[in-house]
Amino acid sequence: MRWNHEGGWAVKVVYFAWLRERVQRPEEEIAFPASVVSVADALAHLATLGENYAYAFEKPEIIRAALDKKHVKPDAPIAGAREIAFFPPMTGG
């Protein structure tokens, strides 16, 4: 994580499975505004970044997340995270 010039911060964001396909990249650095404080906020922000992102994150309630490789709930604070990873629902079998 590093602070950006707008008072927010930048972090590595990683996408898996069909999220990767919809966003059309495996990972990127995103400069989040200071108002993004939770995983849910990050999902909402990502959905505003363009048509591909809106499509990828159209159902944020089904997206799973990990902060620094540890699975977390949507209300988890993201301050201090170096990496946020997003996954579609996982199926067992």
PDB file of N, CA and C in Angstrom:
ATOM      1  N   MET A   1       0.843  -1.175   0.000  1.00  0.00           N
ATOM      2  CA  MET A   1       0.000   0.000   0.000  1.00  0.00           C
ATOM      3  C   MET A   1       0.884   1.232   0.000  1.00  0.00           C
ATOM      4  N   ARG A   2       0.491   2.205  -0.806  1.00  0.00           N
ATOM      5  CA  ARG A   2       1.175   3.495  -0.749  1.00  0.00           C
ATOM      6  C   ARG A   2       0.141   4.586  -0.959  1.00  0.00           C
ATOM      7  N   TRP A   3       0.353   5.715  -0.352  1.00  0.00           N
ATOM      8  CA  TRP A   3      -0.587   6.829  -0.418  1.00  0.00           C
ATOM      9  C   TRP A   3      -0.488   7.516  -1.766  1.00  0.00           C
ATOM     10  N   ASN A   4      -1.635   7.969  -2.293  1.00  0.00           N
ATOM     11  CA  ASN A   4      -1.613   8.724  -3.546  1.00  0.00           C
ATOM     12  C   ASN A   4      -1.807  10.203  -3.244  1.00  0.00           C
ATOM     13  N   HIS A   5      -1.697  11.025  -4.244  1.00  0.00           N
ATOM     14  CA  HIS A   5      -1.736  12.474  -4.050  1.00  0.00           C
ATOM     15  C   HIS A   5      -3.115  13.008  -3.670  1.00  0.00           C
ATOM     16  N   GLU A   6      -4.156  12.183  -3.738  1.00  0.00           N
ATOM     17  CA  GLU A   6      -5.508  12.632  -3.406  1.00  0.00           C
ATOM     18  C   GLU A   6      -5.915  12.255  -1.987  1.00  0.00           C
ATOM     19  N   GLY A   7      -4.978  11.781  -1.184  1.00  0.00           N
ATOM     20  CA  GLY A   7      -5.291  11.408   0.188  1.00  0.00           C
ATOM     21  C   GLY A   7      -5.752   9.969   0.319  1.00  0.00           C
ATOM     22  N   GLY A   8      -5.830   9.250  -0.783  1.00  0.00           N
ATOM     23  CA  GLY A   8      -6.182   7.835  -0.756  1.00  0.00           C
ATOM     24  C   GLY A   8      -4.916   6.999  -0.795  1.00  0.00           C
ATOM     25  N   TRP A   9      -5.038   5.781  -1.269  1.00  0.00           N
ATOM     26  CA  TRP A   9      -3.887   4.903  -1.278  1.00  0.00           C
ATOM     27  C   TRP A   9      -3.970   3.949  -2.457  1.00  0.00           C
ATOM     28  N   ALA A  10      -2.853   3.363  -2.811  1.00  0.00           N
ATOM     29  CA  ALA A  10      -2.790   2.423  -3.926  1.00  0.00           C
ATOM     30  C   ALA A  10      -2.384   1.055  -3.401  1.00  0.00           C
ATOM     31  N   VAL A  11      -2.967   0.016  -3.982  1.00  0.00           N
ATOM     32  CA  VAL A  11      -2.714  -1.354  -3.545  1.00  0.00           C
ATOM     33  C   VAL A  11      -2.791  -2.288  -4.748  1.00  0.00           C
ATOM     34  N   LYS A  12      -2.090  -3.402  -4.678  1.00  0.00           N
ATOM     35  CA  LYS A  12      -2.152  -4.414  -5.729  1.00  0.00           C
ATOM     36  C   LYS A  12      -3.490  -5.143  -5.611  1.00  0.00           C
ATOM     37  N   VAL A  13      -4.207  -5.235  -6.729  1.00  0.00           N
ATOM     38  CA  VAL A  13      -5.484  -5.941  -6.775  1.00  0.00           C
ATOM     39  C   VAL A  13      -5.322  -7.101  -7.751  1.00  0.00           C
ATOM     40  N   VAL A  14      -5.709  -8.299  -7.303  1.00  0.00           N
ATOM     41  CA  VAL A  14      -5.565  -9.516  -8.093  1.00  0.00           C
ATOM     42  C   VAL A  14      -6.957 -10.088  -8.352  1.00  0.00           C
ATOM     43  N   TYR A  15      -7.174 -10.534  -9.593  1.00  0.00           N
ATOM     44  CA  TYR A  15      -8.471 -11.094 -10.005  1.00  0.00           C
ATOM     45  C   TYR A  15      -8.306 -12.560 -10.382  1.00  0.00           C
ATOM     46  N   PHE A  16      -9.263 -13.398  -9.999  1.00  0.00           N
ATOM     47  CA  PHE A  16      -9.211 -14.823 -10.310  1.00  0.00           C
ATOM     48  C   PHE A  16     -10.430 -15.263 -11.122  1.00  0.00           C
ATOM     49  N   ALA A  17     -10.227 -16.336 -11.891  1.00  0.00           N
ATOM     50  CA  ALA A  17     -11.278 -17.025 -12.665  1.00  0.00           C
ATOM     51  C   ALA A  17     -12.022 -16.060 -13.580  1.00  0.00           C
ATOM     52  N   TRP A  18     -13.352 -16.091 -13.571  1.00  0.00           N
ATOM     53  CA  TRP A  18     -14.089 -15.258 -14.517  1.00  0.00           C
ATOM     54  C   TRP A  18     -13.982 -13.769 -14.213  1.00  0.00           C
ATOM     55  N   LEU A  19     -13.602 -13.393 -13.008  1.00  0.00           N
ATOM     56  CA  LEU A  19     -13.362 -11.966 -12.745  1.00  0.00           C
ATOM     57  C   LEU A  19     -12.192 -11.489 -13.589  1.00  0.00           C
ATOM     58  N   ARG A  20     -11.140 -12.312 -13.665  1.00  0.00           N
ATOM     59  CA  ARG A  20      -9.970 -11.994 -14.476  1.00  0.00           C
ATOM     60  C   ARG A  20     -10.371 -11.837 -15.939  1.00  0.00           C
ATOM     61  N   GLU A  21     -11.211 -12.738 -16.413  1.00  0.00           N
ATOM     62  CA  GLU A  21     -11.656 -12.675 -17.805  1.00  0.00           C
ATOM     63  C   GLU A  21     -12.478 -11.415 -18.078  1.00  0.00           C
ATOM     64  N   ARG A  22     -13.353 -11.064 -17.161  1.00  0.00           N
ATOM     65  CA  ARG A  22     -14.210  -9.891 -17.363  1.00  0.00           C
ATOM     66  C   ARG A  22     -13.441  -8.579 -17.259  1.00  0.00           C
ATOM     67  N   VAL A  23     -12.525  -8.493 -16.315  1.00  0.00           N
ATOM     68  CA  VAL A  23     -11.725  -7.279 -16.150  1.00  0.00           C
ATOM     69  C   VAL A  23     -10.649  -7.192 -17.241  1.00  0.00           C
ATOM     70  N   GLN A  24     -10.288  -8.327 -17.773  1.00  0.00           N
ATOM     71  CA  GLN A  24      -9.308  -8.458 -18.853  1.00  0.00           C
ATOM     72  C   GLN A  24      -7.877  -8.168 -18.410  1.00  0.00           C
ATOM     73  N   ARG A  25      -7.583  -8.567 -17.183  1.00  0.00           N
ATOM     74  CA  ARG A  25      -6.215  -8.486 -16.670  1.00  0.00           C
ATOM     75  C   ARG A  25      -6.131  -9.331 -15.392  1.00  0.00           C
ATOM     76  N   PRO A  26      -4.972  -9.897 -15.110  1.00  0.00           N
ATOM     77  CA  PRO A  26      -4.838 -10.725 -13.917  1.00  0.00           C
ATOM     78  C   PRO A  26      -4.648  -9.921 -12.626  1.00  0.00           C
ATOM     79  N   GLU A  27      -4.032  -8.754 -12.757  1.00  0.00           N
ATOM     80  CA  GLU A  27      -3.780  -7.918 -11.588  1.00  0.00           C
ATOM     81  C   GLU A  27      -3.429  -6.511 -12.039  1.00  0.00           C
ATOM     82  N   GLU A  28      -3.480  -5.596 -11.081  1.00  0.00           N
ATOM     83  CA  GLU A  28      -3.128  -4.199 -11.357  1.00  0.00           C
ATOM     84  C   GLU A  28      -2.993  -3.463 -10.040  1.00  0.00           C
ATOM     85  N   GLU A  29      -2.398  -2.304 -10.100  1.00  0.00           N
ATOM     86  CA  GLU A  29      -2.355  -1.429  -8.930  1.00  0.00           C
ATOM     87  C   GLU A  29      -3.489  -0.428  -9.074  1.00  0.00           C
ATOM     88  N   ILE A  30      -4.297  -0.322  -8.030  1.00  0.00           N
ATOM     89  CA  ILE A  30      -5.445   0.586  -8.034  1.00  0.00           C
ATOM     90  C   ILE A  30      -5.212   1.663  -6.988  1.00  0.00           C
ATOM     91  N   ALA A  31      -5.436   2.910  -7.364  1.00  0.00           N
ATOM     92  CA  ALA A  31      -5.375   4.038  -6.434  1.00  0.00           C
ATOM     93  C   ALA A  31      -6.777   4.285  -5.900  1.00  0.00           C
ATOM     94  N   PHE A  32      -7.046   3.778  -4.724  1.00  0.00           N
ATOM     95  CA  PHE A  32      -8.356   3.948  -4.102  1.00  0.00           C
ATOM     96  C   PHE A  32      -8.440   5.312  -3.420  1.00  0.00           C
ATOM     97  N   PRO A  33      -9.608   5.957  -3.497  1.00  0.00           N
ATOM     98  CA  PRO A  33      -9.778   7.214  -2.752  1.00  0.00           C
ATOM     99  C   PRO A  33      -9.838   6.934  -1.245  1.00  0.00           C
ATOM    100  N   ALA A  34      -9.645   7.949  -0.449  1.00  0.00           N
ATOM    101  CA  ALA A  34      -9.643   7.810   1.007  1.00  0.00           C
ATOM    102  C   ALA A  34     -10.962   7.277   1.545  1.00  0.00           C
ATOM    103  N   SER A  35     -12.048   7.452   0.804  1.00  0.00           N
ATOM    104  CA  SER A  35     -13.363   6.985   1.257  1.00  0.00           C
ATOM    105  C   SER A  35     -13.519   5.466   1.187  1.00  0.00           C
ATOM    106  N   VAL A  36     -12.615   4.779   0.520  1.00  0.00           N
ATOM    107  CA  VAL A  36     -12.674   3.312   0.416  1.00  0.00           C
ATOM    108  C   VAL A  36     -11.958   2.729   1.624  1.00  0.00           C
ATOM    109  N   VAL A  37     -12.739   2.186   2.559  1.00  0.00           N
ATOM    110  CA  VAL A  37     -12.150   1.689   3.803  1.00  0.00           C
ATOM    111  C   VAL A  37     -12.388   0.199   4.053  1.00  0.00           C
ATOM    112  N   SER A  38     -13.288  -0.424   3.296  1.00  0.00           N
ATOM    113  CA  SER A  38     -13.601  -1.843   3.500  1.00  0.00           C
ATOM    114  C   SER A  38     -13.557  -2.585   2.170  1.00  0.00           C
ATOM    115  N   VAL A  39     -13.605  -3.904   2.258  1.00  0.00           N
ATOM    116  CA  VAL A  39     -13.672  -4.724   1.050  1.00  0.00           C
ATOM    117  C   VAL A  39     -14.910  -4.357   0.238  1.00  0.00           C
ATOM    118  N   ALA A  40     -16.049  -4.171   0.910  1.00  0.00           N
ATOM    119  CA  ALA A  40     -17.282  -3.793   0.211  1.00  0.00           C
ATOM    120  C   ALA A  40     -17.123  -2.456  -0.514  1.00  0.00           C
ATOM    121  N   ASP A  41     -16.454  -1.504   0.115  1.00  0.00           N
ATOM    122  CA  ASP A  41     -16.198  -0.214  -0.528  1.00  0.00           C
ATOM    123  C   ASP A  41     -15.319  -0.396  -1.769  1.00  0.00           C
ATOM    124  N   ALA A  42     -14.316  -1.270  -1.663  1.00  0.00           N
ATOM    125  CA  ALA A  42     -13.428  -1.520  -2.792  1.00  0.00           C
ATOM    126  C   ALA A  42     -14.205  -2.127  -3.958  1.00  0.00           C
ATOM    127  N   LEU A  43     -15.094  -3.076  -3.667  1.00  0.00           N
ATOM    128  CA  LEU A  43     -15.928  -3.673  -4.713  1.00  0.00           C
ATOM    129  C   LEU A  43     -16.782  -2.611  -5.400  1.00  0.00           C
ATOM    130  N   ALA A  44     -17.398  -1.749  -4.607  1.00  0.00           N
ATOM    131  CA  ALA A  44     -18.247  -0.689  -5.170  1.00  0.00           C
ATOM    132  C   ALA A  44     -17.416   0.258  -6.029  1.00  0.00           C
ATOM    133  N   HIS A  45     -16.228   0.598  -5.581  1.00  0.00           N
ATOM    134  CA  HIS A  45     -15.359   1.492  -6.343  1.00  0.00           C
ATOM    135  C   HIS A  45     -14.929   0.844  -7.655  1.00  0.00           C
ATOM    136  N   LEU A  46     -14.511  -0.404  -7.599  1.00  0.00           N
ATOM    137  CA  LEU A  46     -14.077  -1.095  -8.808  1.00  0.00           C
ATOM    138  C   LEU A  46     -15.184  -1.122  -9.862  1.00  0.00           C
ATOM    139  N   ALA A  47     -16.425  -1.290  -9.442  1.00  0.00           N
ATOM    140  CA  ALA A  47     -17.549  -1.346 -10.383  1.00  0.00           C
ATOM    141  C   ALA A  47     -17.735  -0.042 -11.151  1.00  0.00           C
ATOM    142  N   THR A  48     -17.111   1.041 -10.683  1.00  0.00           N
ATOM    143  CA  THR A  48     -17.255   2.348 -11.347  1.00  0.00           C
ATOM    144  C   THR A  48     -16.146   2.622 -12.360  1.00  0.00           C
ATOM    145  N   LEU A  49     -15.202   1.706 -12.510  1.00  0.00           N
ATOM    146  CA  LEU A  49     -14.009   1.970 -13.317  1.00  0.00           C
ATOM    147  C   LEU A  49     -14.176   1.699 -14.807  1.00  0.00           C
ATOM    148  N   GLY A  50     -15.353   1.325 -15.236  1.00  0.00           N
ATOM    149  CA  GLY A  50     -15.577   1.078 -16.655  1.00  0.00           C
ATOM    150  C   GLY A  50     -16.510  -0.093 -16.872  1.00  0.00           C
ATOM    151  N   GLU A  51     -16.859  -0.297 -18.119  1.00  0.00           N
ATOM    152  CA  GLU A  51     -17.835  -1.322 -18.475  1.00  0.00           C
ATOM    153  C   GLU A  51     -17.384  -2.725 -18.061  1.00  0.00           C
ATOM    154  N   ASN A  52     -16.133  -3.067 -18.294  1.00  0.00           N
ATOM    155  CA  ASN A  52     -15.644  -4.396 -17.916  1.00  0.00           C
ATOM    156  C   ASN A  52     -15.727  -4.609 -16.407  1.00  0.00           C
ATOM    157  N   TYR A  53     -15.367  -3.595 -15.656  1.00  0.00           N
ATOM    158  CA  TYR A  53     -15.426  -3.684 -14.198  1.00  0.00           C
ATOM    159  C   TYR A  53     -16.871  -3.760 -13.711  1.00  0.00           C
ATOM    160  N   ALA A  54     -17.742  -2.971 -14.310  1.00  0.00           N
ATOM    161  CA  ALA A  54     -19.153  -3.006 -13.932  1.00  0.00           C
ATOM    162  C   ALA A  54     -19.717  -4.405 -14.152  1.00  0.00           C
ATOM    163  N   TYR A  55     -19.352  -5.027 -15.261  1.00  0.00           N
ATOM    164  CA  TYR A  55     -19.797  -6.380 -15.564  1.00  0.00           C
ATOM    165  C   TYR A  55     -19.203  -7.377 -14.566  1.00  0.00           C
ATOM    166  N   ALA A  56     -17.934  -7.260 -14.265  1.00  0.00           N
ATOM    167  CA  ALA A  56     -17.275  -8.187 -13.344  1.00  0.00           C
ATOM    168  C   ALA A  56     -17.854  -8.102 -11.938  1.00  0.00           C
ATOM    169  N   PHE A  57     -18.180  -6.896 -11.503  1.00  0.00           N
ATOM    170  CA  PHE A  57     -18.612  -6.697 -10.120  1.00  0.00           C
ATOM    171  C   PHE A  57     -20.096  -6.344 -10.003  1.00  0.00           C
ATOM    172  N   GLU A  58     -20.896  -6.802 -10.974  1.00  0.00           N
ATOM    173  CA  GLU A  58     -22.327  -6.482 -10.957  1.00  0.00           C
ATOM    174  C   GLU A  58     -23.065  -7.147  -9.805  1.00  0.00           C
ATOM    175  N   LYS A  59     -22.523  -8.218  -9.255  1.00  0.00           N
ATOM    176  CA  LYS A  59     -23.138  -8.896  -8.103  1.00  0.00           C
ATOM    177  C   LYS A  59     -22.105  -9.005  -6.985  1.00  0.00           C
ATOM    178  N   PRO A  60     -21.815  -7.907  -6.318  1.00  0.00           N
ATOM    179  CA  PRO A  60     -20.741  -7.914  -5.315  1.00  0.00           C
ATOM    180  C   PRO A  60     -21.001  -8.881  -4.159  1.00  0.00           C
ATOM    181  N   GLU A  61     -22.255  -9.189  -3.905  1.00  0.00           N
ATOM    182  CA  GLU A  61     -22.581 -10.080  -2.788  1.00  0.00           C
ATOM    183  C   GLU A  61     -22.056 -11.509  -2.985  1.00  0.00           C
ATOM    184  N   ILE A  62     -21.720 -11.891  -4.215  1.00  0.00           N
ATOM    185  CA  ILE A  62     -21.207 -13.248  -4.440  1.00  0.00           C
ATOM    186  C   ILE A  62     -19.680 -13.297  -4.538  1.00  0.00           C
ATOM    187  N   ILE A  63     -19.042 -12.145  -4.572  1.00  0.00           N
ATOM    188  CA  ILE A  63     -17.585 -12.081  -4.707  1.00  0.00           C
ATOM    189  C   ILE A  63     -16.929 -12.326  -3.349  1.00  0.00           C
ATOM    190  N   ARG A  64     -15.897 -13.139  -3.337  1.00  0.00           N
ATOM    191  CA  ARG A  64     -15.104 -13.408  -2.139  1.00  0.00           C
ATOM    192  C   ARG A  64     -13.806 -12.620  -2.230  1.00  0.00           C
ATOM    193  N   ALA A  65     -13.226 -12.311  -1.077  1.00  0.00           N
ATOM    194  CA  ALA A  65     -12.007 -11.503  -1.068  1.00  0.00           C
ATOM    195  C   ALA A  65     -10.990 -12.052  -0.084  1.00  0.00           C
ATOM    196  N   ALA A  66      -9.739 -11.729  -0.362  1.00  0.00           N
ATOM    197  CA  ALA A  66      -8.643 -12.039   0.553  1.00  0.00           C
ATOM    198  C   ALA A  66      -7.752 -10.804   0.660  1.00  0.00           C
ATOM    199  N   LEU A  67      -7.341 -10.509   1.861  1.00  0.00           N
ATOM    200  CA  LEU A  67      -6.387  -9.431   2.115  1.00  0.00           C
ATOM    201  C   LEU A  67      -5.064 -10.087   2.496  1.00  0.00           C
ATOM    202  N   ASP A  68      -4.035  -9.801   1.729  1.00  0.00           N
ATOM    203  CA  ASP A  68      -2.721 -10.390   1.974  1.00  0.00           C
ATOM    204  C   ASP A  68      -2.823 -11.904   2.169  1.00  0.00           C
ATOM    205  N   LYS A  69      -3.585 -12.547   1.270  1.00  0.00           N
ATOM    206  CA  LYS A  69      -3.751 -14.001   1.185  1.00  0.00           C
ATOM    207  C   LYS A  69      -4.563 -14.616   2.320  1.00  0.00           C
ATOM    208  N   LYS A  70      -5.339 -13.812   3.036  1.00  0.00           N
ATOM    209  CA  LYS A  70      -6.197 -14.316   4.103  1.00  0.00           C
ATOM    210  C   LYS A  70      -7.643 -13.940   3.773  1.00  0.00           C
ATOM    211  N   HIS A  71      -8.528 -14.936   3.667  1.00  0.00           N
ATOM    212  CA  HIS A  71      -9.925 -14.677   3.317  1.00  0.00           C
ATOM    213  C   HIS A  71     -10.592 -13.823   4.384  1.00  0.00           C
ATOM    214  N   VAL A  72     -11.391 -12.856   3.920  1.00  0.00           N
ATOM    215  CA  VAL A  72     -12.050 -11.912   4.817  1.00  0.00           C
ATOM    216  C   VAL A  72     -13.498 -11.691   4.375  1.00  0.00           C
ATOM    217  N   LYS A  73     -14.274 -11.106   5.252  1.00  0.00           N
ATOM    218  CA  LYS A  73     -15.671 -10.761   4.964  1.00  0.00           C
ATOM    219  C   LYS A  73     -15.731  -9.372   4.320  1.00  0.00           C
ATOM    220  N   PRO A  74     -16.867  -9.031   3.678  1.00  0.00           N
ATOM    221  CA  PRO A  74     -16.987  -7.745   2.986  1.00  0.00           C
ATOM    222  C   PRO A  74     -16.778  -6.519   3.878  1.00  0.00           C
ATOM    223  N   ASP A  75     -17.065  -6.647   5.178  1.00  0.00           N
ATOM    224  CA  ASP A  75     -16.903  -5.484   6.052  1.00  0.00           C
ATOM    225  C   ASP A  75     -15.482  -5.341   6.606  1.00  0.00           C
ATOM    226  N   ALA A  76     -14.576  -6.216   6.180  1.00  0.00           N
ATOM    227  CA  ALA A  76     -13.196  -6.151   6.664  1.00  0.00           C
ATOM    228  C   ALA A  76     -12.526  -4.855   6.236  1.00  0.00           C
ATOM    229  N   PRO A  77     -11.837  -4.193   7.159  1.00  0.00           N
ATOM    230  CA  PRO A  77     -11.096  -2.985   6.793  1.00  0.00           C
ATOM    231  C   PRO A  77      -9.888  -3.344   5.934  1.00  0.00           C
ATOM    232  N   ILE A  78      -9.594  -2.510   4.961  1.00  0.00           N
ATOM    233  CA  ILE A  78      -8.494  -2.802   4.053  1.00  0.00           C
ATOM    234  C   ILE A  78      -7.259  -1.944   4.315  1.00  0.00           C
ATOM    235  N   ALA A  79      -7.311  -1.109   5.330  1.00  0.00           N
ATOM    236  CA  ALA A  79      -6.153  -0.272   5.659  1.00  0.00           C
ATOM    237  C   ALA A  79      -4.944  -1.148   5.950  1.00  0.00           C
ATOM    238  N   GLY A  80      -3.837  -0.826   5.336  1.00  0.00           N
ATOM    239  CA  GLY A  80      -2.603  -1.543   5.568  1.00  0.00           C
ATOM    240  C   GLY A  80      -2.383  -2.755   4.674  1.00  0.00           C
ATOM    241  N   ALA A  81      -3.397  -3.147   3.907  1.00  0.00           N
ATOM    242  CA  ALA A  81      -3.238  -4.321   3.036  1.00  0.00           C
ATOM    243  C   ALA A  81      -2.278  -4.002   1.896  1.00  0.00           C
ATOM    244  N   ARG A  82      -1.452  -4.965   1.554  1.00  0.00           N
ATOM    245  CA  ARG A  82      -0.559  -4.826   0.401  1.00  0.00           C
ATOM    246  C   ARG A  82      -1.207  -5.399  -0.853  1.00  0.00           C
ATOM    247  N   GLU A  83      -2.131  -6.365  -0.649  1.00  0.00           N
ATOM    248  CA  GLU A  83      -2.784  -7.020  -1.779  1.00  0.00           C
ATOM    249  C   GLU A  83      -4.223  -7.347  -1.432  1.00  0.00           C
ATOM    250  N   ILE A  84      -5.112  -7.092  -2.377  1.00  0.00           N
ATOM    251  CA  ILE A  84      -6.510  -7.504  -2.273  1.00  0.00           C
ATOM    252  C   ILE A  84      -6.774  -8.427  -3.451  1.00  0.00           C
ATOM    253  N   ALA A  85      -7.262  -9.626  -3.155  1.00  0.00           N
ATOM    254  CA  ALA A  85      -7.585 -10.582  -4.214  1.00  0.00           C
ATOM    255  C   ALA A  85      -9.091 -10.820  -4.213  1.00  0.00           C
ATOM    256  N   PHE A  86      -9.661 -10.914  -5.404  1.00  0.00           N
ATOM    257  CA  PHE A  86     -11.099 -11.154  -5.555  1.00  0.00           C
ATOM    258  C   PHE A  86     -11.331 -12.453  -6.304  1.00  0.00           C
ATOM    259  N   PHE A  87     -12.291 -13.249  -5.798  1.00  0.00           N
ATOM    260  CA  PHE A  87     -12.603 -14.556  -6.329  1.00  0.00           C
ATOM    261  C   PHE A  87     -14.104 -14.668  -6.580  1.00  0.00           C
ATOM    262  N   PRO A  88     -14.500 -15.411  -7.605  1.00  0.00           N
ATOM    263  CA  PRO A  88     -15.909 -15.737  -7.743  1.00  0.00           C
ATOM    264  C   PRO A  88     -16.250 -16.823  -6.700  1.00  0.00           C
ATOM    265  N   PRO A  89     -17.522 -17.149  -6.558  1.00  0.00           N
ATOM    266  CA  PRO A  89     -17.893 -18.206  -5.599  1.00  0.00           C
ATOM    267  C   PRO A  89     -17.148 -19.503  -5.928  1.00  0.00           C
ATOM    268  N   MET A  90     -16.741 -20.186  -4.889  1.00  0.00           N
ATOM    269  CA  MET A  90     -16.039 -21.458  -5.066  1.00  0.00           C
ATOM    270  C   MET A  90     -17.019 -22.597  -4.865  1.00  0.00           C
ATOM    271  N   THR A  91     -16.894 -23.606  -5.689  1.00  0.00           N
ATOM    272  CA  THR A  91     -17.757 -24.772  -5.545  1.00  0.00           C
ATOM    273  C   THR A  91     -16.939 -25.937  -5.037  1.00  0.00           C
ATOM    274  N   GLY A  92     -17.577 -26.797  -4.306  1.00  0.00           N
ATOM    275  CA  GLY A  92     -16.901 -27.977  -3.779  1.00  0.00           C
ATOM    276  C   GLY A  92     -17.291 -29.205  -4.578  1.00  0.00           C
ATOM    277  N   GLY A  93     -16.683 -30.295  -4.237  1.00  0.00           N
ATOM    278  CA  GLY A  93     -17.069 -31.511  -4.929  1.00  0.00           C
ATOM    279  C   GLY A  93     -16.168 -32.658  -4.680  1.00  0.00           C
TER     280      GLY A  93
END
